[in-house]
Amino acid sequence: MRKHIIENAAYEVATQIRTVEDTIDAALTEIAELQSKIIHISSITGSSVATGQAAVEQLAASLQALVSARGGMARCHAELVEAKQFVPGLRTVSFGEGGECPPMAKAADLRIVA
């Protein structure tokens, strides 16, 4: 019974780590798209490059912070994989086809239906 509780807890942690990693990646994608739109609207309006430069700099700082957070999560993930060898009952646990972690969430294939 205790081993089952430990395995379930480890699975929940592994699944949550994957969720956080996916969320950070999605946020990075959104920021990149926002940067692109800001630059595009600037060129459409013929604005000076200085117009909105402070916003672009803040966006770049946010992007860099998320990149650092992504790296931090990768290191956290690696540390937990390493730590599991010291938890009785987890040393031989794997999820799926030999992987140490639960599979990545699959993106939904969204389509416009007329």
N, C-alpha and C. Protein backbone atom coordinates (compact mmCIF):
# COMPACT_ATOMS: atom_id res chain seq x y z
N MET A 1 0.82 -1.19 0.00
CA MET A 1 0.00 0.00 0.00
C MET A 1 0.87 1.27 0.00
N ARG A 2 1.91 1.29 0.85
CA ARG A 2 2.78 2.45 0.93
C ARG A 2 3.50 2.68 -0.40
N LYS A 3 3.96 1.59 -1.03
CA LYS A 3 4.65 1.71 -2.31
C LYS A 3 3.72 2.32 -3.36
N HIS A 4 2.47 1.93 -3.35
CA HIS A 4 1.49 2.46 -4.30
C HIS A 4 1.29 3.96 -4.07
N ILE A 5 1.24 4.39 -2.82
CA ILE A 5 1.08 5.81 -2.50
C ILE A 5 2.29 6.60 -2.98
N ILE A 6 3.48 6.04 -2.76
CA ILE A 6 4.71 6.71 -3.20
C ILE A 6 4.74 6.82 -4.72
N GLU A 7 4.39 5.75 -5.42
CA GLU A 7 4.38 5.77 -6.89
C GLU A 7 3.38 6.79 -7.42
N ASN A 8 2.19 6.85 -6.80
CA ASN A 8 1.18 7.82 -7.23
C ASN A 8 1.67 9.25 -7.01
N ALA A 9 2.29 9.49 -5.86
CA ALA A 9 2.81 10.83 -5.57
C ALA A 9 3.90 11.21 -6.58
N ALA A 10 4.79 10.27 -6.89
CA ALA A 10 5.85 10.53 -7.86
C ALA A 10 5.27 10.81 -9.24
N TYR A 11 4.25 10.08 -9.62
CA TYR A 11 3.60 10.30 -10.91
C TYR A 11 2.97 11.69 -10.97
N GLU A 12 2.33 12.10 -9.87
CA GLU A 12 1.72 13.43 -9.83
C GLU A 12 2.77 14.52 -9.97
N VAL A 13 3.91 14.35 -9.29
CA VAL A 13 4.99 15.33 -9.39
C VAL A 13 5.53 15.36 -10.82
N ALA A 14 5.76 14.20 -11.40
CA ALA A 14 6.29 14.13 -12.78
C ALA A 14 5.32 14.76 -13.77
N THR A 15 4.05 14.50 -13.59
CA THR A 15 3.04 15.08 -14.48
C THR A 15 2.97 16.59 -14.32
N GLN A 16 3.07 17.07 -13.08
CA GLN A 16 3.02 18.52 -12.84
C GLN A 16 4.25 19.21 -13.42
N ILE A 17 5.41 18.58 -13.31
CA ILE A 17 6.62 19.17 -13.91
C ILE A 17 6.43 19.32 -15.41
N ARG A 18 5.91 18.29 -16.04
CA ARG A 18 5.68 18.34 -17.49
C ARG A 18 4.70 19.47 -17.83
N THR A 19 3.66 19.64 -17.01
CA THR A 19 2.68 20.70 -17.23
C THR A 19 3.34 22.07 -17.13
N VAL A 20 4.18 22.26 -16.12
CA VAL A 20 4.86 23.54 -15.95
C VAL A 20 5.80 23.81 -17.13
N GLU A 21 6.53 22.78 -17.55
CA GLU A 21 7.43 22.94 -18.70
C GLU A 21 6.64 23.33 -19.96
N ASP A 22 5.53 22.66 -20.18
CA ASP A 22 4.70 22.98 -21.34
C ASP A 22 4.12 24.39 -21.26
N THR A 23 3.75 24.81 -20.05
CA THR A 23 3.19 26.15 -19.86
C THR A 23 4.23 27.23 -20.15
N ILE A 24 5.46 27.00 -19.70
CA ILE A 24 6.53 27.97 -19.98
C ILE A 24 6.79 28.03 -21.48
N ASP A 25 6.84 26.89 -22.14
CA ASP A 25 7.04 26.88 -23.59
C ASP A 25 5.92 27.62 -24.32
N ALA A 26 4.69 27.43 -23.86
CA ALA A 26 3.56 28.14 -24.48
C ALA A 26 3.69 29.65 -24.27
N ALA A 27 4.11 30.05 -23.07
CA ALA A 27 4.29 31.48 -22.80
C ALA A 27 5.40 32.06 -23.66
N LEU A 28 6.47 31.32 -23.85
CA LEU A 28 7.55 31.78 -24.73
C LEU A 28 7.04 31.99 -26.16
N THR A 29 6.21 31.08 -26.62
CA THR A 29 5.63 31.20 -27.96
C THR A 29 4.76 32.45 -28.06
N GLU A 30 3.95 32.67 -27.04
CA GLU A 30 3.06 33.84 -27.03
C GLU A 30 3.85 35.14 -27.03
N ILE A 31 4.94 35.20 -26.25
CA ILE A 31 5.76 36.41 -26.21
C ILE A 31 6.42 36.65 -27.57
N ALA A 32 6.90 35.59 -28.19
CA ALA A 32 7.52 35.74 -29.51
C ALA A 32 6.51 36.28 -30.52
N GLU A 33 5.29 35.77 -30.45
CA GLU A 33 4.24 36.27 -31.35
C GLU A 33 3.91 37.73 -31.06
N LEU A 34 3.86 38.09 -29.79
CA LEU A 34 3.59 39.48 -29.42
C LEU A 34 4.69 40.40 -29.92
N GLN A 35 5.94 39.98 -29.76
CA GLN A 35 7.06 40.79 -30.27
C GLN A 35 6.91 41.02 -31.77
N SER A 36 6.59 39.97 -32.47
CA SER A 36 6.42 40.07 -33.91
C SER A 36 5.31 41.05 -34.28
N LYS A 37 4.20 40.98 -33.55
CA LYS A 37 3.07 41.87 -33.83
C LYS A 37 3.41 43.33 -33.53
N ILE A 38 4.14 43.56 -32.45
CA ILE A 38 4.53 44.94 -32.11
C ILE A 38 5.44 45.52 -33.19
N ILE A 39 6.41 44.75 -33.64
CA ILE A 39 7.32 45.21 -34.69
C ILE A 39 6.54 45.43 -35.99
N HIS A 40 5.62 44.52 -36.28
CA HIS A 40 4.82 44.64 -37.51
C HIS A 40 3.95 45.90 -37.48
N ILE A 41 3.28 46.15 -36.37
CA ILE A 41 2.41 47.34 -36.30
C ILE A 41 3.24 48.61 -36.37
N SER A 42 4.45 48.56 -35.84
CA SER A 42 5.33 49.72 -35.92
C SER A 42 5.69 50.02 -37.37
N SER A 43 5.95 48.98 -38.14
CA SER A 43 6.29 49.21 -39.55
C SER A 43 5.08 49.65 -40.36
N ILE A 44 3.89 49.14 -40.01
CA ILE A 44 2.67 49.53 -40.73
C ILE A 44 2.36 51.01 -40.50
N THR A 45 2.52 51.46 -39.25
CA THR A 45 2.18 52.85 -38.92
C THR A 45 3.27 53.83 -39.32
N GLY A 46 4.46 53.30 -39.65
CA GLY A 46 5.56 54.19 -40.01
C GLY A 46 6.11 54.94 -38.83
N SER A 47 5.88 54.41 -37.64
CA SER A 47 6.36 55.06 -36.42
C SER A 47 7.87 55.01 -36.34
N SER A 48 8.39 55.92 -35.55
CA SER A 48 9.82 55.92 -35.28
C SER A 48 10.18 54.65 -34.50
N VAL A 49 11.40 54.19 -34.67
CA VAL A 49 11.84 53.00 -33.94
C VAL A 49 11.81 53.26 -32.44
N ALA A 50 11.96 54.51 -32.05
CA ALA A 50 11.96 54.85 -30.63
C ALA A 50 10.57 54.71 -30.01
N THR A 51 9.53 54.83 -30.86
CA THR A 51 8.17 54.71 -30.35
C THR A 51 7.92 53.27 -29.92
N GLY A 52 7.62 53.12 -28.67
CA GLY A 52 7.34 51.79 -28.13
C GLY A 52 8.59 50.99 -27.78
N GLN A 53 9.78 51.63 -27.90
CA GLN A 53 11.02 50.91 -27.62
C GLN A 53 11.06 50.41 -26.18
N ALA A 54 10.56 51.21 -25.25
CA ALA A 54 10.56 50.78 -23.84
C ALA A 54 9.72 49.52 -23.65
N ALA A 55 8.60 49.45 -24.35
CA ALA A 55 7.75 48.26 -24.27
C ALA A 55 8.45 47.05 -24.86
N VAL A 56 9.15 47.24 -25.97
CA VAL A 56 9.88 46.14 -26.60
C VAL A 56 10.99 45.65 -25.67
N GLU A 57 11.67 46.58 -25.00
CA GLU A 57 12.72 46.19 -24.06
C GLU A 57 12.15 45.41 -22.87
N GLN A 58 11.00 45.84 -22.36
CA GLN A 58 10.37 45.12 -21.25
C GLN A 58 9.93 43.73 -21.68
N LEU A 59 9.43 43.64 -22.90
CA LEU A 59 9.03 42.35 -23.44
C LEU A 59 10.24 41.42 -23.58
N ALA A 60 11.35 41.98 -24.05
CA ALA A 60 12.57 41.18 -24.18
C ALA A 60 13.06 40.71 -22.80
N ALA A 61 12.95 41.56 -21.80
CA ALA A 61 13.34 41.17 -20.44
C ALA A 61 12.43 40.05 -19.92
N SER A 62 11.16 40.14 -20.24
CA SER A 62 10.22 39.09 -19.84
C SER A 62 10.56 37.78 -20.54
N LEU A 63 10.91 37.87 -21.81
CA LEU A 63 11.30 36.69 -22.57
C LEU A 63 12.53 36.04 -21.95
N GLN A 64 13.52 36.86 -21.61
CA GLN A 64 14.75 36.33 -21.01
C GLN A 64 14.45 35.68 -19.66
N ALA A 65 13.56 36.27 -18.88
CA ALA A 65 13.20 35.69 -17.58
C ALA A 65 12.53 34.33 -17.77
N LEU A 66 11.69 34.22 -18.79
CA LEU A 66 11.05 32.93 -19.06
C LEU A 66 12.05 31.89 -19.57
N VAL A 67 13.01 32.33 -20.35
CA VAL A 67 14.06 31.42 -20.81
C VAL A 67 14.84 30.90 -19.60
N SER A 68 15.12 31.78 -18.65
CA SER A 68 15.81 31.36 -17.43
C SER A 68 14.94 30.40 -16.62
N ALA A 69 13.64 30.69 -16.55
CA ALA A 69 12.71 29.81 -15.83
C ALA A 69 12.66 28.43 -16.50
N ARG A 70 12.70 28.43 -17.82
CA ARG A 70 12.69 27.16 -18.56
C ARG A 70 13.92 26.33 -18.20
N GLY A 71 15.07 26.99 -18.16
CA GLY A 71 16.30 26.30 -17.78
C GLY A 71 16.24 25.81 -16.34
N GLY A 72 15.66 26.62 -15.46
CA GLY A 72 15.50 26.22 -14.07
C GLY A 72 14.62 24.99 -13.93
N MET A 73 13.56 24.93 -14.71
CA MET A 73 12.69 23.76 -14.67
C MET A 73 13.40 22.53 -15.22
N ALA A 74 14.21 22.72 -16.24
CA ALA A 74 14.97 21.59 -16.79
C ALA A 74 15.94 21.05 -15.73
N ARG A 75 16.59 21.96 -15.00
CA ARG A 75 17.50 21.53 -13.94
C ARG A 75 16.74 20.87 -12.79
N CYS A 76 15.58 21.42 -12.44
CA CYS A 76 14.74 20.82 -11.40
C CYS A 76 14.33 19.41 -11.81
N HIS A 77 13.93 19.25 -13.03
CA HIS A 77 13.51 17.95 -13.56
C HIS A 77 14.67 16.95 -13.43
N ALA A 78 15.85 17.38 -13.85
CA ALA A 78 17.02 16.50 -13.79
C ALA A 78 17.36 16.13 -12.34
N GLU A 79 17.23 17.09 -11.44
CA GLU A 79 17.51 16.83 -10.02
C GLU A 79 16.52 15.82 -9.45
N LEU A 80 15.27 15.93 -9.82
CA LEU A 80 14.27 14.99 -9.32
C LEU A 80 14.49 13.59 -9.88
N VAL A 81 14.90 13.51 -11.14
CA VAL A 81 15.22 12.21 -11.73
C VAL A 81 16.38 11.59 -10.95
N GLU A 82 17.36 12.40 -10.61
CA GLU A 82 18.50 11.92 -9.83
C GLU A 82 18.07 11.53 -8.41
N ALA A 83 17.21 12.33 -7.80
CA ALA A 83 16.80 12.09 -6.41
C ALA A 83 15.97 10.82 -6.27
N LYS A 84 15.27 10.43 -7.31
CA LYS A 84 14.39 9.27 -7.20
C LYS A 84 15.13 7.99 -6.86
N GLN A 85 16.42 7.94 -7.20
CA GLN A 85 17.19 6.73 -6.89
C GLN A 85 17.38 6.54 -5.39
N PHE A 86 17.14 7.59 -4.60
CA PHE A 86 17.29 7.51 -3.16
C PHE A 86 15.97 7.27 -2.44
N VAL A 87 14.86 7.18 -3.20
CA VAL A 87 13.55 6.95 -2.60
C VAL A 87 13.19 5.48 -2.80
N PRO A 88 13.07 4.74 -1.70
CA PRO A 88 12.72 3.32 -1.83
C PRO A 88 11.41 3.15 -2.59
N GLY A 89 11.42 2.23 -3.54
CA GLY A 89 10.23 1.96 -4.32
C GLY A 89 10.14 2.73 -5.62
N LEU A 90 11.01 3.72 -5.80
CA LEU A 90 10.97 4.50 -7.04
C LEU A 90 12.13 4.19 -7.97
N ARG A 91 13.11 3.50 -7.51
CA ARG A 91 14.31 3.26 -8.32
C ARG A 91 14.01 2.53 -9.62
N THR A 92 12.98 1.69 -9.63
CA THR A 92 12.70 0.90 -10.83
C THR A 92 11.44 1.34 -11.55
N VAL A 93 10.86 2.46 -11.14
CA VAL A 93 9.61 2.92 -11.74
C VAL A 93 9.90 3.65 -13.04
N SER A 94 9.15 3.34 -14.07
CA SER A 94 9.19 4.12 -15.30
C SER A 94 7.76 4.22 -15.81
N PHE A 95 7.53 5.17 -16.70
CA PHE A 95 6.20 5.41 -17.22
C PHE A 95 6.17 5.10 -18.70
N GLY A 96 5.30 4.23 -19.11
CA GLY A 96 5.13 3.95 -20.53
C GLY A 96 6.20 3.04 -21.07
N GLU A 97 6.69 3.35 -22.25
CA GLU A 97 7.61 2.48 -22.96
C GLU A 97 9.06 2.78 -22.58
N GLY A 98 9.41 2.54 -21.32
CA GLY A 98 10.79 2.69 -20.89
C GLY A 98 11.21 4.09 -20.53
N GLY A 99 10.34 5.09 -20.70
CA GLY A 99 10.71 6.45 -20.34
C GLY A 99 10.63 6.66 -18.84
N GLU A 100 11.47 7.55 -18.34
CA GLU A 100 11.45 7.84 -16.92
C GLU A 100 10.34 8.82 -16.55
N CYS A 101 9.81 9.53 -17.52
CA CYS A 101 8.83 10.57 -17.26
C CYS A 101 7.54 10.27 -18.02
N PRO A 102 6.42 10.82 -17.52
CA PRO A 102 5.18 10.65 -18.28
C PRO A 102 5.32 11.30 -19.65
N PRO A 103 4.58 10.80 -20.63
CA PRO A 103 4.69 11.38 -21.98
C PRO A 103 4.21 12.83 -22.01
N MET A 104 4.74 13.59 -22.97
CA MET A 104 4.32 14.98 -23.13
C MET A 104 2.87 15.02 -23.56
N ALA A 105 2.18 16.06 -23.12
CA ALA A 105 0.79 16.24 -23.53
C ALA A 105 0.78 16.53 -25.03
N LYS A 106 -0.13 15.91 -25.73
CA LYS A 106 -0.23 16.14 -27.17
C LYS A 106 -1.11 17.34 -27.44
N ALA A 107 -0.68 18.16 -28.35
CA ALA A 107 -1.45 19.34 -28.73
C ALA A 107 -2.67 18.90 -29.54
N ALA A 108 -3.75 19.56 -29.28
CA ALA A 108 -4.97 19.25 -30.03
C ALA A 108 -4.84 19.78 -31.45
N ASP A 109 -5.30 19.01 -32.39
CA ASP A 109 -5.27 19.41 -33.78
C ASP A 109 -6.56 20.19 -34.05
N LEU A 110 -6.47 21.53 -33.94
CA LEU A 110 -7.65 22.36 -34.11
C LEU A 110 -7.81 22.71 -35.58
N ARG A 111 -9.04 22.66 -36.04
CA ARG A 111 -9.32 23.00 -37.43
C ARG A 111 -10.57 23.87 -37.48
N ILE A 112 -10.59 24.76 -38.44
CA ILE A 112 -11.76 25.60 -38.65
C ILE A 112 -12.74 24.83 -39.51
N VAL A 113 -13.94 24.72 -39.04
CA VAL A 113 -14.97 23.99 -39.78
C VAL A 113 -16.01 25.01 -40.25
N ALA A 114 -16.27 24.99 -41.53
CA ALA A 114 -17.23 25.95 -42.09
C ALA A 114 -18.62 25.35 -42.12
